[in-house]
Amino acid sequence: MLKRIQVPAFFANLPPCLIGMEACAGAHDWARKFQGFGHEVKLIAPQYVKAYVRGNKNDYNGIPLP
């Protein structure tokens, strides 16, 4: 699991890709940072995010990285 301070470096080292994020208070700031790294960012309204959650993901469990 990444710590908040590690997130920009992680995405800076990825090849350009599409990133889907839940639109929340900090999402627009993160989206601008990720776009600066060459990624395409799509913000998803919170009421539609549930359809993209697989398994028992929550903040404690995190999402396993490939």
PDB file of N, CA and C in Angstrom:
ATOM      1  N   MET A   1       0.850  -1.165   0.000  1.00  0.00           N
ATOM      2  CA  MET A   1       0.000   0.000   0.000  1.00  0.00           C
ATOM      3  C   MET A   1       0.901   1.235   0.000  1.00  0.00           C
ATOM      4  N   LEU A   2       0.513   2.222  -0.788  1.00  0.00           N
ATOM      5  CA  LEU A   2       1.288   3.452  -0.878  1.00  0.00           C
ATOM      6  C   LEU A   2       0.876   4.439   0.205  1.00  0.00           C
ATOM      7  N   LYS A   3       1.848   5.146   0.712  1.00  0.00           N
ATOM      8  CA  LYS A   3       1.550   6.266   1.597  1.00  0.00           C
ATOM      9  C   LYS A   3       1.286   7.480   0.723  1.00  0.00           C
ATOM     10  N   ARG A   4       0.582   8.445   1.245  1.00  0.00           N
ATOM     11  CA  ARG A   4       0.214   9.639   0.485  1.00  0.00           C
ATOM     12  C   ARG A   4       1.430  10.306  -0.150  1.00  0.00           C
ATOM     13  N   ILE A   5       2.536  10.354   0.539  1.00  0.00           N
ATOM     14  CA  ILE A   5       3.747  11.008   0.039  1.00  0.00           C
ATOM     15  C   ILE A   5       4.354  10.238  -1.139  1.00  0.00           C
ATOM     16  N   GLN A   6       4.065   8.941  -1.254  1.00  0.00           N
ATOM     17  CA  GLN A   6       4.617   8.093  -2.310  1.00  0.00           C
ATOM     18  C   GLN A   6       3.782   8.108  -3.597  1.00  0.00           C
ATOM     19  N   VAL A   7       2.558   8.583  -3.535  1.00  0.00           N
ATOM     20  CA  VAL A   7       1.646   8.525  -4.687  1.00  0.00           C
ATOM     21  C   VAL A   7       2.180   9.283  -5.903  1.00  0.00           C
ATOM     22  N   PRO A   8       2.627  10.544  -5.776  1.00  0.00           N
ATOM     23  CA  PRO A   8       3.110  11.239  -6.976  1.00  0.00           C
ATOM     24  C   PRO A   8       4.278  10.525  -7.663  1.00  0.00           C
ATOM     25  N   ALA A   9       5.223  10.022  -6.908  1.00  0.00           N
ATOM     26  CA  ALA A   9       6.366   9.325  -7.496  1.00  0.00           C
ATOM     27  C   ALA A   9       5.916   8.046  -8.206  1.00  0.00           C
ATOM     28  N   PHE A  10       4.943   7.337  -7.618  1.00  0.00           N
ATOM     29  CA  PHE A  10       4.441   6.110  -8.230  1.00  0.00           C
ATOM     30  C   PHE A  10       3.855   6.404  -9.611  1.00  0.00           C
ATOM     31  N   PHE A  11       2.981   7.426  -9.694  1.00  0.00           N
ATOM     32  CA  PHE A  11       2.333   7.741 -10.966  1.00  0.00           C
ATOM     33  C   PHE A  11       3.291   8.414 -11.941  1.00  0.00           C
ATOM     34  N   ALA A  12       4.301   9.087 -11.448  1.00  0.00           N
ATOM     35  CA  ALA A  12       5.289   9.710 -12.341  1.00  0.00           C
ATOM     36  C   ALA A  12       6.099   8.647 -13.070  1.00  0.00           C
ATOM     37  N   ASN A  13       6.273   7.480 -12.466  1.00  0.00           N
ATOM     38  CA  ASN A  13       7.069   6.413 -13.067  1.00  0.00           C
ATOM     39  C   ASN A  13       6.265   5.464 -13.942  1.00  0.00           C
ATOM     40  N   LEU A  14       4.953   5.645 -14.035  1.00  0.00           N
ATOM     41  CA  LEU A  14       4.125   4.811 -14.907  1.00  0.00           C
ATOM     42  C   LEU A  14       4.120   5.387 -16.315  1.00  0.00           C
ATOM     43  N   PRO A  15       4.011   4.526 -17.327  1.00  0.00           N
ATOM     44  CA  PRO A  15       3.806   5.067 -18.674  1.00  0.00           C
ATOM     45  C   PRO A  15       2.424   5.717 -18.735  1.00  0.00           C
ATOM     46  N   PRO A  16       2.210   6.669 -19.635  1.00  0.00           N
ATOM     47  CA  PRO A  16       0.902   7.337 -19.709  1.00  0.00           C
ATOM     48  C   PRO A  16      -0.243   6.331 -19.819  1.00  0.00           C
ATOM     49  N   CYS A  17      -1.269   6.536 -18.998  1.00  0.00           N
ATOM     50  CA  CYS A  17      -2.414   5.625 -18.977  1.00  0.00           C
ATOM     51  C   CYS A  17      -3.667   6.397 -18.569  1.00  0.00           C
ATOM     52  N   LEU A  18      -4.795   5.712 -18.590  1.00  0.00           N
ATOM     53  CA  LEU A  18      -6.064   6.283 -18.164  1.00  0.00           C
ATOM     54  C   LEU A  18      -6.257   5.985 -16.685  1.00  0.00           C
ATOM     55  N   ILE A  19      -6.557   7.012 -15.900  1.00  0.00           N
ATOM     56  CA  ILE A  19      -6.771   6.866 -14.461  1.00  0.00           C
ATOM     57  C   ILE A  19      -8.205   7.282 -14.160  1.00  0.00           C
ATOM     58  N   GLY A  20      -8.974   6.402 -13.544  1.00  0.00           N
ATOM     59  CA  GLY A  20     -10.333   6.708 -13.108  1.00  0.00           C
ATOM     60  C   GLY A  20     -10.329   6.947 -11.614  1.00  0.00           C
ATOM     61  N   MET A  21     -10.921   8.069 -11.194  1.00  0.00           N
ATOM     62  CA  MET A  21     -10.935   8.420  -9.771  1.00  0.00           C
ATOM     63  C   MET A  21     -12.321   8.878  -9.354  1.00  0.00           C
ATOM     64  N   GLU A  22     -12.662   8.612  -8.106  1.00  0.00           N
ATOM     65  CA  GLU A  22     -13.896   9.147  -7.547  1.00  0.00           C
ATOM     66  C   GLU A  22     -13.723  10.648  -7.338  1.00  0.00           C
ATOM     67  N   ALA A  23     -14.682  11.421  -7.805  1.00  0.00           N
ATOM     68  CA  ALA A  23     -14.641  12.871  -7.618  1.00  0.00           C
ATOM     69  C   ALA A  23     -14.910  13.173  -6.146  1.00  0.00           C
ATOM     70  N   CYS A  24     -13.929  13.784  -5.495  1.00  0.00           N
ATOM     71  CA  CYS A  24     -14.061  14.160  -4.095  1.00  0.00           C
ATOM     72  C   CYS A  24     -13.288  15.451  -3.884  1.00  0.00           C
ATOM     73  N   ALA A  25     -13.147  15.870  -2.654  1.00  0.00           N
ATOM     74  CA  ALA A  25     -12.536  17.167  -2.356  1.00  0.00           C
ATOM     75  C   ALA A  25     -11.129  17.312  -2.924  1.00  0.00           C
ATOM     76  N   GLY A  26     -10.300  16.292  -2.835  1.00  0.00           N
ATOM     77  CA  GLY A  26      -8.923  16.399  -3.304  1.00  0.00           C
ATOM     78  C   GLY A  26      -8.682  15.854  -4.697  1.00  0.00           C
ATOM     79  N   ALA A  27      -9.720  15.299  -5.330  1.00  0.00           N
ATOM     80  CA  ALA A  27      -9.539  14.621  -6.612  1.00  0.00           C
ATOM     81  C   ALA A  27      -9.068  15.550  -7.724  1.00  0.00           C
ATOM     82  N   HIS A  28      -9.553  16.779  -7.743  1.00  0.00           N
ATOM     83  CA  HIS A  28      -9.170  17.693  -8.817  1.00  0.00           C
ATOM     84  C   HIS A  28      -7.681  18.050  -8.732  1.00  0.00           C
ATOM     85  N   ASP A  29      -7.176  18.198  -7.524  1.00  0.00           N
ATOM     86  CA  ASP A  29      -5.756  18.480  -7.350  1.00  0.00           C
ATOM     87  C   ASP A  29      -4.914  17.294  -7.810  1.00  0.00           C
ATOM     88  N   TRP A  30      -5.293  16.068  -7.400  1.00  0.00           N
ATOM     89  CA  TRP A  30      -4.572  14.877  -7.827  1.00  0.00           C
ATOM     90  C   TRP A  30      -4.655  14.740  -9.347  1.00  0.00           C
ATOM     91  N   ALA A  31      -5.829  15.006  -9.909  1.00  0.00           N
ATOM     92  CA  ALA A  31      -6.003  14.877 -11.359  1.00  0.00           C
ATOM     93  C   ALA A  31      -5.052  15.807 -12.112  1.00  0.00           C
ATOM     94  N   ARG A  32      -4.902  17.040 -11.642  1.00  0.00           N
ATOM     95  CA  ARG A  32      -3.970  17.967 -12.289  1.00  0.00           C
ATOM     96  C   ARG A  32      -2.528  17.470 -12.197  1.00  0.00           C
ATOM     97  N   LYS A  33      -2.166  16.899 -11.056  1.00  0.00           N
ATOM     98  CA  LYS A  33      -0.808  16.360 -10.901  1.00  0.00           C
ATOM     99  C   LYS A  33      -0.583  15.201 -11.868  1.00  0.00           C
ATOM    100  N   PHE A  34      -1.559  14.288 -11.934  1.00  0.00           N
ATOM    101  CA  PHE A  34      -1.416  13.118 -12.800  1.00  0.00           C
ATOM    102  C   PHE A  34      -1.406  13.523 -14.269  1.00  0.00           C
ATOM    103  N   GLN A  35      -2.201  14.519 -14.643  1.00  0.00           N
ATOM    104  CA  GLN A  35      -2.186  15.007 -16.016  1.00  0.00           C
ATOM    105  C   GLN A  35      -0.833  15.619 -16.342  1.00  0.00           C
ATOM    106  N   GLY A  36      -0.202  16.236 -15.376  1.00  0.00           N
ATOM    107  CA  GLY A  36       1.133  16.783 -15.568  1.00  0.00           C
ATOM    108  C   GLY A  36       2.168  15.697 -15.857  1.00  0.00           C
ATOM    109  N   PHE A  37       1.890  14.459 -15.442  1.00  0.00           N
ATOM    110  CA  PHE A  37       2.775  13.329 -15.728  1.00  0.00           C
ATOM    111  C   PHE A  37       2.436  12.677 -17.064  1.00  0.00           C
ATOM    112  N   GLY A  38       1.423  13.199 -17.774  1.00  0.00           N
ATOM    113  CA  GLY A  38       1.046  12.672 -19.088  1.00  0.00           C
ATOM    114  C   GLY A  38      -0.104  11.684 -19.075  1.00  0.00           C
ATOM    115  N   HIS A  39      -0.744  11.495 -17.937  1.00  0.00           N
ATOM    116  CA  HIS A  39      -1.870  10.559 -17.848  1.00  0.00           C
ATOM    117  C   HIS A  39      -3.172  11.258 -18.236  1.00  0.00           C
ATOM    118  N   GLU A  40      -4.147  10.454 -18.649  1.00  0.00           N
ATOM    119  CA  GLU A  40      -5.501  10.960 -18.870  1.00  0.00           C
ATOM    120  C   GLU A  40      -6.308  10.597 -17.636  1.00  0.00           C
ATOM    121  N   VAL A  41      -6.994  11.562 -17.057  1.00  0.00           N
ATOM    122  CA  VAL A  41      -7.735  11.327 -15.816  1.00  0.00           C
ATOM    123  C   VAL A  41      -9.222  11.560 -16.054  1.00  0.00           C
ATOM    124  N   LYS A  42     -10.030  10.611 -15.603  1.00  0.00           N
ATOM    125  CA  LYS A  42     -11.485  10.732 -15.657  1.00  0.00           C
ATOM    126  C   LYS A  42     -12.000  10.706 -14.224  1.00  0.00           C
ATOM    127  N   LEU A  43     -12.764  11.724 -13.853  1.00  0.00           N
ATOM    128  CA  LEU A  43     -13.375  11.757 -12.527  1.00  0.00           C
ATOM    129  C   LEU A  43     -14.780  11.183 -12.629  1.00  0.00           C
ATOM    130  N   ILE A  44     -15.118  10.323 -11.687  1.00  0.00           N
ATOM    131  CA  ILE A  44     -16.404   9.635 -11.677  1.00  0.00           C
ATOM    132  C   ILE A  44     -17.204  10.135 -10.482  1.00  0.00           C
ATOM    133  N   ALA A  45     -18.463  10.483 -10.715  1.00  0.00           N
ATOM    134  CA  ALA A  45     -19.335  10.932  -9.626  1.00  0.00           C
ATOM    135  C   ALA A  45     -19.479   9.816  -8.588  1.00  0.00           C
ATOM    136  N   PRO A  46     -19.483  10.172  -7.297  1.00  0.00           N
ATOM    137  CA  PRO A  46     -19.513   9.158  -6.233  1.00  0.00           C
ATOM    138  C   PRO A  46     -20.662   8.153  -6.349  1.00  0.00           C
ATOM    139  N   GLN A  47     -21.821   8.584  -6.817  1.00  0.00           N
ATOM    140  CA  GLN A  47     -22.951   7.646  -6.891  1.00  0.00           C
ATOM    141  C   GLN A  47     -22.738   6.556  -7.928  1.00  0.00           C
ATOM    142  N   TYR A  48     -21.776   6.734  -8.842  1.00  0.00           N
ATOM    143  CA  TYR A  48     -21.514   5.727  -9.870  1.00  0.00           C
ATOM    144  C   TYR A  48     -20.282   4.881  -9.579  1.00  0.00           C
ATOM    145  N   VAL A  49     -19.534   5.198  -8.553  1.00  0.00           N
ATOM    146  CA  VAL A  49     -18.284   4.496  -8.260  1.00  0.00           C
ATOM    147  C   VAL A  49     -18.532   3.087  -7.766  1.00  0.00           C
ATOM    148  N   LYS A  50     -19.591   2.840  -7.043  1.00  0.00           N
ATOM    149  CA  LYS A  50     -19.858   1.531  -6.456  1.00  0.00           C
ATOM    150  C   LYS A  50     -19.799   0.419  -7.495  1.00  0.00           C
ATOM    151  N   ALA A  51     -20.210   0.705  -8.718  1.00  0.00           N
ATOM    152  CA  ALA A  51     -20.199  -0.320  -9.765  1.00  0.00           C
ATOM    153  C   ALA A  51     -18.783  -0.771 -10.117  1.00  0.00           C
ATOM    154  N   TYR A  52     -17.768   0.020  -9.805  1.00  0.00           N
ATOM    155  CA  TYR A  52     -16.391  -0.315 -10.153  1.00  0.00           C
ATOM    156  C   TYR A  52     -15.638  -1.016  -9.029  1.00  0.00           C
ATOM    157  N   VAL A  53     -16.224  -1.105  -7.846  1.00  0.00           N
ATOM    158  CA  VAL A  53     -15.567  -1.737  -6.712  1.00  0.00           C
ATOM    159  C   VAL A  53     -15.741  -3.247  -6.815  1.00  0.00           C
ATOM    160  N   ARG A  54     -14.613  -3.964  -6.729  1.00  0.00           N
ATOM    161  CA  ARG A  54     -14.653  -5.423  -6.773  1.00  0.00           C
ATOM    162  C   ARG A  54     -14.171  -5.973  -5.437  1.00  0.00           C
ATOM    163  N   GLY A  55     -14.818  -6.979  -4.958  1.00  0.00           N
ATOM    164  CA  GLY A  55     -14.398  -7.599  -3.713  1.00  0.00           C
ATOM    165  C   GLY A  55     -14.739  -6.744  -2.508  1.00  0.00           C
ATOM    166  N   ASN A  56     -13.972  -6.923  -1.445  1.00  0.00           N
ATOM    167  CA  ASN A  56     -14.230  -6.227  -0.196  1.00  0.00           C
ATOM    168  C   ASN A  56     -13.257  -5.084   0.002  1.00  0.00           C
ATOM    169  N   LYS A  57     -13.020  -4.306  -1.047  1.00  0.00           N
ATOM    170  CA  LYS A  57     -12.077  -3.188  -0.958  1.00  0.00           C
ATOM    171  C   LYS A  57     -12.610  -2.126  -0.022  1.00  0.00           C
ATOM    172  N   ASN A  58     -11.771  -1.684   0.864  1.00  0.00           N
ATOM    173  CA  ASN A  58     -12.053  -0.506   1.678  1.00  0.00           C
ATOM    174  C   ASN A  58     -10.707   0.149   1.996  1.00  0.00           C
ATOM    175  N   ASP A  59     -10.714   1.220   2.713  1.00  0.00           N
ATOM    176  CA  ASP A  59      -9.462   1.927   2.978  1.00  0.00           C
ATOM    177  C   ASP A  59      -8.474   1.069   3.770  1.00  0.00           C
ATOM    178  N   TYR A  60      -8.978   0.179   4.612  1.00  0.00           N
ATOM    179  CA  TYR A  60      -8.090  -0.665   5.402  1.00  0.00           C
ATOM    180  C   TYR A  60      -7.453  -1.746   4.531  1.00  0.00           C
ATOM    181  N   ASN A  61      -8.271  -2.415   3.700  1.00  0.00           N
ATOM    182  CA  ASN A  61      -7.772  -3.511   2.866  1.00  0.00           C
ATOM    183  C   ASN A  61      -6.923  -3.009   1.695  1.00  0.00           C
ATOM    184  N   GLY A  62      -7.276  -1.860   1.156  1.00  0.00           N
ATOM    185  CA  GLY A  62      -6.546  -1.322   0.004  1.00  0.00           C
ATOM    186  C   GLY A  62      -6.790  -2.135  -1.250  1.00  0.00           C
ATOM    187  N   ILE A  63      -6.187  -1.691  -2.316  1.00  0.00           N
ATOM    188  CA  ILE A  63      -6.290  -2.408  -3.579  1.00  0.00           C
ATOM    189  C   ILE A  63      -4.919  -3.013  -3.857  1.00  0.00           C
ATOM    190  N   PRO A  64      -4.849  -4.340  -4.021  1.00  0.00           N
ATOM    191  CA  PRO A  64      -3.543  -4.942  -4.297  1.00  0.00           C
ATOM    192  C   PRO A  64      -3.013  -4.477  -5.653  1.00  0.00           C
ATOM    193  N   LEU A  65      -1.729  -4.173  -5.709  1.00  0.00           N
ATOM    194  CA  LEU A  65      -1.112  -3.746  -6.967  1.00  0.00           C
ATOM    195  C   LEU A  65      -0.729  -4.968  -7.784  1.00  0.00           C
ATOM    196  N   PRO A  66      -0.801  -4.858  -9.119  1.00  0.00           N
ATOM    197  CA  PRO A  66      -0.483  -6.013  -9.969  1.00  0.00           C
ATOM    198  C   PRO A  66       0.973  -6.402  -9.870  1.00  0.00           C
TER     199      PRO A  66
END
